[in-house]
């Protein structure tokens, strides 16, 4: 079921907005260690918002709030944490195994802990954390499912033996029989209306 007959023409992730308590250290890690070029900065009396390029048209951005105490946490990717249920980790795309190994070596040369390569079947990854304790992954597609027709019966890509009903519908008909509604949080709407 589609809300409209038009197709959404995604071009990747414009930016993922994360939070840092130390923007200087964040620039030093993301630009200096990860070589994610700093491409823009916004500064207001209440926050800084800095953007790092992770691919053409794709960026990771950080907020640093002025005078705001933050309770931070660190967790590895794929491990639940009850105080942060909506974010697990960020994975960035690399072109091949060689690029993955070079990034692993670069992280080690900067004194950053990183896992060995983990083989997930259709992708391979390494795992590490940034200076804020954010769980990060770098991956490359060994079998790239993007930019081509999808085959929900391809068990190399769809290996869940007990998929949710939505996947069962897609396998059976190629469509969803319904979607879900969402609602804005009132405080967000109030803040946007007040220009905060």
C-alpha atoms as a PDB file:
ATOM      1  CA  UNK A   1       0.000   0.000   0.000  1.00  0.00           C
ATOM      2  CA  UNK A   2       1.480   3.329  -1.032  1.00  0.00           C
ATOM      3  CA  UNK A   3       0.248   6.663   0.324  1.00  0.00           C
ATOM      4  CA  UNK A   4       0.676   8.210  -3.130  1.00  0.00           C
ATOM      5  CA  UNK A   5       1.456   6.800  -6.565  1.00  0.00           C
ATOM      6  CA  UNK A   6       4.765   8.717  -6.648  1.00  0.00           C
ATOM      7  CA  UNK A   7       8.048   7.014  -5.831  1.00  0.00           C
ATOM      8  CA  UNK A   8      10.360   8.586  -3.261  1.00  0.00           C
ATOM      9  CA  UNK A   9      13.738   9.194  -4.911  1.00  0.00           C
ATOM     10  CA  UNK A  10      16.168   8.676  -2.039  1.00  0.00           C
ATOM     11  CA  UNK A  11      19.759   9.853  -2.528  1.00  0.00           C
ATOM     12  CA  UNK A  12      21.253   8.489   0.688  1.00  0.00           C
ATOM     13  CA  UNK A  13      21.328   9.958   4.171  1.00  0.00           C
ATOM     14  CA  UNK A  14      21.503  13.771   4.041  1.00  0.00           C
ATOM     15  CA  UNK A  15      22.683  13.842   7.639  1.00  0.00           C
ATOM     16  CA  UNK A  16      22.292  11.885  10.821  1.00  0.00           C
ATOM     17  CA  UNK A  17      22.182  14.285  13.778  1.00  0.00           C
ATOM     18  CA  UNK A  18      23.993  13.126  16.910  1.00  0.00           C
ATOM     19  CA  UNK A  19      25.028  14.911  20.115  1.00  0.00           C
ATOM     20  CA  UNK A  20      28.474  15.694  21.524  1.00  0.00           C
ATOM     21  CA  UNK A  21      29.604  17.321  24.764  1.00  0.00           C
ATOM     22  CA  UNK A  22      32.954  18.293  23.158  1.00  0.00           C
ATOM     23  CA  UNK A  23      32.805  19.585  19.579  1.00  0.00           C
ATOM     24  CA  UNK A  24      36.561  20.168  19.431  1.00  0.00           C
ATOM     25  CA  UNK A  25      37.285  16.506  20.242  1.00  0.00           C
ATOM     26  CA  UNK A  26      34.555  15.480  17.794  1.00  0.00           C
ATOM     27  CA  UNK A  27      36.213  17.455  14.965  1.00  0.00           C
ATOM     28  CA  UNK A  28      39.548  15.895  15.889  1.00  0.00           C
ATOM     29  CA  UNK A  29      38.089  12.360  15.730  1.00  0.00           C
ATOM     30  CA  UNK A  30      35.701  12.581  12.769  1.00  0.00           C
ATOM     31  CA  UNK A  31      37.901  14.836  10.591  1.00  0.00           C
ATOM     32  CA  UNK A  32      41.327  13.853  11.922  1.00  0.00           C
ATOM     33  CA  UNK A  33      40.984  10.113  12.608  1.00  0.00           C
ATOM     34  CA  UNK A  34      38.116   9.056  10.315  1.00  0.00           C
ATOM     35  CA  UNK A  35      39.046  11.515   7.525  1.00  0.00           C
ATOM     36  CA  UNK A  36      35.394  12.593   7.251  1.00  0.00           C
ATOM     37  CA  UNK A  37      35.837  16.092   5.852  1.00  0.00           C
ATOM     38  CA  UNK A  38      34.310  18.910   7.950  1.00  0.00           C
ATOM     39  CA  UNK A  39      31.945  20.508   5.414  1.00  0.00           C
ATOM     40  CA  UNK A  40      29.917  23.036   7.386  1.00  0.00           C
ATOM     41  CA  UNK A  41      29.309  24.630  10.752  1.00  0.00           C
ATOM     42  CA  UNK A  42      26.340  26.433  12.291  1.00  0.00           C
ATOM     43  CA  UNK A  43      26.722  28.387  15.518  1.00  0.00           C
ATOM     44  CA  UNK A  44      24.010  30.040  17.609  1.00  0.00           C
ATOM     45  CA  UNK A  45      23.997  31.253  21.217  1.00  0.00           C
ATOM     46  CA  UNK A  46      22.380  27.955  22.279  1.00  0.00           C
ATOM     47  CA  UNK A  47      24.130  25.341  20.118  1.00  0.00           C
ATOM     48  CA  UNK A  48      26.767  24.429  17.529  1.00  0.00           C
ATOM     49  CA  UNK A  49      25.886  22.105  14.637  1.00  0.00           C
ATOM     50  CA  UNK A  50      28.828  20.708  12.603  1.00  0.00           C
ATOM     51  CA  UNK A  51      28.636  18.494   9.502  1.00  0.00           C
ATOM     52  CA  UNK A  52      31.106  15.810   8.321  1.00  0.00           C
ATOM     53  CA  UNK A  53      30.971  14.291   4.813  1.00  0.00           C
ATOM     54  CA  UNK A  54      30.784  10.481   4.707  1.00  0.00           C
ATOM     55  CA  UNK A  55      29.981  10.271   0.986  1.00  0.00           C
ATOM     56  CA  UNK A  56      28.667  12.459  -1.824  1.00  0.00           C
ATOM     57  CA  UNK A  57      25.521  14.114  -0.456  1.00  0.00           C
ATOM     58  CA  UNK A  58      25.779  12.139   2.820  1.00  0.00           C
ATOM     59  CA  UNK A  59      26.901  13.521   6.166  1.00  0.00           C
ATOM     60  CA  UNK A  60      26.973  12.927   9.901  1.00  0.00           C
ATOM     61  CA  UNK A  61      26.273  16.003  12.004  1.00  0.00           C
ATOM     62  CA  UNK A  62      26.707  16.760  15.686  1.00  0.00           C
ATOM     63  CA  UNK A  63      24.988  19.174  18.065  1.00  0.00           C
ATOM     64  CA  UNK A  64      26.878  20.660  21.002  1.00  0.00           C
ATOM     65  CA  UNK A  65      24.467  22.479  23.332  1.00  0.00           C
ATOM     66  CA  UNK A  66      25.634  25.561  25.278  1.00  0.00           C
ATOM     67  CA  UNK A  67      25.474  25.236  29.067  1.00  0.00           C
ATOM     68  CA  UNK A  68      23.578  21.939  28.934  1.00  0.00           C
ATOM     69  CA  UNK A  69      24.691  18.987  31.072  1.00  0.00           C
ATOM     70  CA  UNK A  70      24.449  15.724  29.156  1.00  0.00           C
ATOM     71  CA  UNK A  71      24.278  12.228  30.577  1.00  0.00           C
ATOM     72  CA  UNK A  72      26.380  10.233  28.171  1.00  0.00           C
ATOM     73  CA  UNK A  73      26.813   6.500  27.777  1.00  0.00           C
ATOM     74  CA  UNK A  74      28.893   4.142  25.726  1.00  0.00           C
ATOM     75  CA  UNK A  75      27.685   0.824  24.357  1.00  0.00           C
ATOM     76  CA  UNK A  76      28.844  -1.629  21.736  1.00  0.00           C
ATOM     77  CA  UNK A  77      26.827  -2.103  18.545  1.00  0.00           C
ATOM     78  CA  UNK A  78      24.033  -4.647  18.755  1.00  0.00           C
ATOM     79  CA  UNK A  79      23.768  -4.624  22.543  1.00  0.00           C
ATOM     80  CA  UNK A  80      20.529  -3.180  23.984  1.00  0.00           C
ATOM     81  CA  UNK A  81      20.644  -0.231  26.372  1.00  0.00           C
ATOM     82  CA  UNK A  82      17.378   0.672  28.084  1.00  0.00           C
ATOM     83  CA  UNK A  83      18.091   4.412  28.289  1.00  0.00           C
ATOM     84  CA  UNK A  84      18.697   4.775  24.531  1.00  0.00           C
ATOM     85  CA  UNK A  85      16.233   2.487  22.773  1.00  0.00           C
ATOM     86  CA  UNK A  86      15.968   4.453  19.501  1.00  0.00           C
ATOM     87  CA  UNK A  87      19.618   4.425  18.485  1.00  0.00           C
ATOM     88  CA  UNK A  88      21.989   1.481  18.339  1.00  0.00           C
ATOM     89  CA  UNK A  89      24.860   2.382  16.003  1.00  0.00           C
ATOM     90  CA  UNK A  90      25.789   4.119  12.769  1.00  0.00           C
ATOM     91  CA  UNK A  91      27.303   2.120   9.915  1.00  0.00           C
ATOM     92  CA  UNK A  92      29.140   3.888   7.115  1.00  0.00           C
ATOM     93  CA  UNK A  93      29.612   2.348   3.666  1.00  0.00           C
ATOM     94  CA  UNK A  94      33.013   1.468   2.178  1.00  0.00           C
ATOM     95  CA  UNK A  95      33.641   0.183  -1.364  1.00  0.00           C
ATOM     96  CA  UNK A  96      35.506  -3.070  -0.646  1.00  0.00           C
ATOM     97  CA  UNK A  97      37.480  -5.284   1.748  1.00  0.00           C
ATOM     98  CA  UNK A  98      40.712  -3.387   1.116  1.00  0.00           C
ATOM     99  CA  UNK A  99      39.113  -0.103   2.204  1.00  0.00           C
ATOM    100  CA  UNK A 100      37.752  -1.842   5.312  1.00  0.00           C
ATOM    101  CA  UNK A 101      41.195  -3.181   6.232  1.00  0.00           C
ATOM    102  CA  UNK A 102      42.831   0.204   5.581  1.00  0.00           C
ATOM    103  CA  UNK A 103      40.314   1.920   7.897  1.00  0.00           C
ATOM    104  CA  UNK A 104      40.914  -0.727  10.568  1.00  0.00           C
ATOM    105  CA  UNK A 105      44.669  -0.068  10.313  1.00  0.00           C
ATOM    106  CA  UNK A 106      44.127   3.714  10.382  1.00  0.00           C
ATOM    107  CA  UNK A 107      42.035   3.433  13.565  1.00  0.00           C
ATOM    108  CA  UNK A 108      44.717   1.297  15.215  1.00  0.00           C
ATOM    109  CA  UNK A 109      47.452   3.770  14.193  1.00  0.00           C
ATOM    110  CA  UNK A 110      45.534   6.522  16.041  1.00  0.00           C
ATOM    111  CA  UNK A 111      45.246   4.371  19.176  1.00  0.00           C
ATOM    112  CA  UNK A 112      41.558   3.551  18.640  1.00  0.00           C
ATOM    113  CA  UNK A 113      40.219   0.113  19.551  1.00  0.00           C
ATOM    114  CA  UNK A 114      38.565  -1.740  16.664  1.00  0.00           C
ATOM    115  CA  UNK A 115      37.301  -5.274  16.067  1.00  0.00           C
ATOM    116  CA  UNK A 116      38.550  -7.739  13.504  1.00  0.00           C
ATOM    117  CA  UNK A 117      36.450  -8.022  10.330  1.00  0.00           C
ATOM    118  CA  UNK A 118      33.060  -9.630  11.026  1.00  0.00           C
ATOM    119  CA  UNK A 119      31.451 -11.546   8.132  1.00  0.00           C
ATOM    120  CA  UNK A 120      27.653 -11.103   8.096  1.00  0.00           C
ATOM    121  CA  UNK A 121      27.128 -12.923   4.780  1.00  0.00           C
ATOM    122  CA  UNK A 122      26.062 -10.153   2.416  1.00  0.00           C
ATOM    123  CA  UNK A 123      28.198  -7.546   4.209  1.00  0.00           C
ATOM    124  CA  UNK A 124      31.458  -7.434   6.158  1.00  0.00           C
ATOM    125  CA  UNK A 125      32.105  -4.967   8.970  1.00  0.00           C
ATOM    126  CA  UNK A 126      34.405  -3.611  11.638  1.00  0.00           C
ATOM    127  CA  UNK A 127      33.155  -2.034  14.865  1.00  0.00           C
ATOM    128  CA  UNK A 128      34.585   0.841  16.900  1.00  0.00           C
ATOM    129  CA  UNK A 129      33.440   3.899  18.891  1.00  0.00           C
ATOM    130  CA  UNK A 130      33.953   7.620  18.402  1.00  0.00           C
ATOM    131  CA  UNK A 131      35.187  10.037  21.056  1.00  0.00           C
ATOM    132  CA  UNK A 132      31.603  10.457  22.332  1.00  0.00           C
ATOM    133  CA  UNK A 133      31.150   6.715  22.919  1.00  0.00           C
ATOM    134  CA  UNK A 134      28.845   6.384  19.888  1.00  0.00           C
ATOM    135  CA  UNK A 135      28.926   2.865  18.497  1.00  0.00           C
ATOM    136  CA  UNK A 136      30.158   2.921  14.888  1.00  0.00           C
ATOM    137  CA  UNK A 137      30.470   0.342  12.150  1.00  0.00           C
ATOM    138  CA  UNK A 138      32.125   0.473   8.743  1.00  0.00           C
ATOM    139  CA  UNK A 139      30.777  -2.001   6.189  1.00  0.00           C
ATOM    140  CA  UNK A 140      31.031  -3.035   2.571  1.00  0.00           C
ATOM    141  CA  UNK A 141      28.442  -5.015   0.603  1.00  0.00           C
ATOM    142  CA  UNK A 142      29.773  -8.417  -0.472  1.00  0.00           C
ATOM    143  CA  UNK A 143      26.403  -8.788  -2.247  1.00  0.00           C
ATOM    144  CA  UNK A 144      25.000  -5.283  -2.802  1.00  0.00           C
ATOM    145  CA  UNK A 145      21.179  -5.313  -2.631  1.00  0.00           C
ATOM    146  CA  UNK A 146      20.845  -1.581  -3.338  1.00  0.00           C
ATOM    147  CA  UNK A 147      20.048   0.008  -6.692  1.00  0.00           C
ATOM    148  CA  UNK A 148      18.524  -3.138  -8.223  1.00  0.00           C
ATOM    149  CA  UNK A 149      15.177  -4.924  -8.171  1.00  0.00           C
ATOM    150  CA  UNK A 150      14.480  -6.617  -4.844  1.00  0.00           C
ATOM    151  CA  UNK A 151      13.862 -10.360  -4.563  1.00  0.00           C
ATOM    152  CA  UNK A 152      12.194 -11.075  -1.198  1.00  0.00           C
ATOM    153  CA  UNK A 153      12.746 -14.797  -1.811  1.00  0.00           C
ATOM    154  CA  UNK A 154      16.543 -14.456  -2.036  1.00  0.00           C
ATOM    155  CA  UNK A 155      17.612 -16.234   1.150  1.00  0.00           C
ATOM    156  CA  UNK A 156      21.128 -14.772   0.912  1.00  0.00           C
ATOM    157  CA  UNK A 157      19.561 -11.381   1.727  1.00  0.00           C
ATOM    158  CA  UNK A 158      16.327 -12.376   3.504  1.00  0.00           C
ATOM    159  CA  UNK A 159      17.426 -15.109   5.887  1.00  0.00           C
ATOM    160  CA  UNK A 160      15.004 -14.486   8.789  1.00  0.00           C
ATOM    161  CA  UNK A 161      13.208 -17.837   9.073  1.00  0.00           C
ATOM    162  CA  UNK A 162      10.315 -16.232  10.998  1.00  0.00           C
ATOM    163  CA  UNK A 163       9.863 -12.779   9.405  1.00  0.00           C
ATOM    164  CA  UNK A 164       7.399 -10.166  10.643  1.00  0.00           C
ATOM    165  CA  UNK A 165       3.991  -9.996   8.893  1.00  0.00           C
ATOM    166  CA  UNK A 166       5.051  -7.006   6.756  1.00  0.00           C
ATOM    167  CA  UNK A 167       7.848  -9.064   5.165  1.00  0.00           C
ATOM    168  CA  UNK A 168       5.453 -11.959   4.633  1.00  0.00           C
ATOM    169  CA  UNK A 169       3.081  -9.562   2.813  1.00  0.00           C
ATOM    170  CA  UNK A 170       5.922  -8.234   0.635  1.00  0.00           C
ATOM    171  CA  UNK A 171       6.967 -11.804  -0.239  1.00  0.00           C
ATOM    172  CA  UNK A 172       3.413 -12.812  -1.081  1.00  0.00           C
ATOM    173  CA  UNK A 173       2.168  -9.757  -3.006  1.00  0.00           C
ATOM    174  CA  UNK A 174       5.032  -7.270  -3.308  1.00  0.00           C
ATOM    175  CA  UNK A 175       2.959  -4.749  -1.315  1.00  0.00           C
ATOM    176  CA  UNK A 176       2.015  -3.912   2.264  1.00  0.00           C
ATOM    177  CA  UNK A 177      -1.664  -4.209   3.140  1.00  0.00           C
ATOM    178  CA  UNK A 178      -1.443  -1.246   5.541  1.00  0.00           C
ATOM    179  CA  UNK A 179       0.936   1.349   6.940  1.00  0.00           C
ATOM    180  CA  UNK A 180       1.159   3.013  10.362  1.00  0.00           C
ATOM    181  CA  UNK A 181       0.395   6.537  11.544  1.00  0.00           C
ATOM    182  CA  UNK A 182       2.815   8.672  13.541  1.00  0.00           C
ATOM    183  CA  UNK A 183       2.368  11.817  15.638  1.00  0.00           C
ATOM    184  CA  UNK A 184       4.642  14.702  16.582  1.00  0.00           C
ATOM    185  CA  UNK A 185       5.647  15.162  20.199  1.00  0.00           C
ATOM    186  CA  UNK A 186       3.814  18.261  21.484  1.00  0.00           C
ATOM    187  CA  UNK A 187       6.937  19.876  22.992  1.00  0.00           C
ATOM    188  CA  UNK A 188       8.739  19.679  19.641  1.00  0.00           C
ATOM    189  CA  UNK A 189       5.861  21.422  17.879  1.00  0.00           C
ATOM    190  CA  UNK A 190       5.776  24.139  20.569  1.00  0.00           C
ATOM    191  CA  UNK A 191       9.543  24.711  20.293  1.00  0.00           C
ATOM    192  CA  UNK A 192       9.413  24.889  16.488  1.00  0.00           C
ATOM    193  CA  UNK A 193       6.525  27.362  16.604  1.00  0.00           C
ATOM    194  CA  UNK A 194       8.431  29.519  19.098  1.00  0.00           C
ATOM    195  CA  UNK A 195      11.540  29.464  16.896  1.00  0.00           C
ATOM    196  CA  UNK A 196      13.687  27.587  19.401  1.00  0.00           C
END
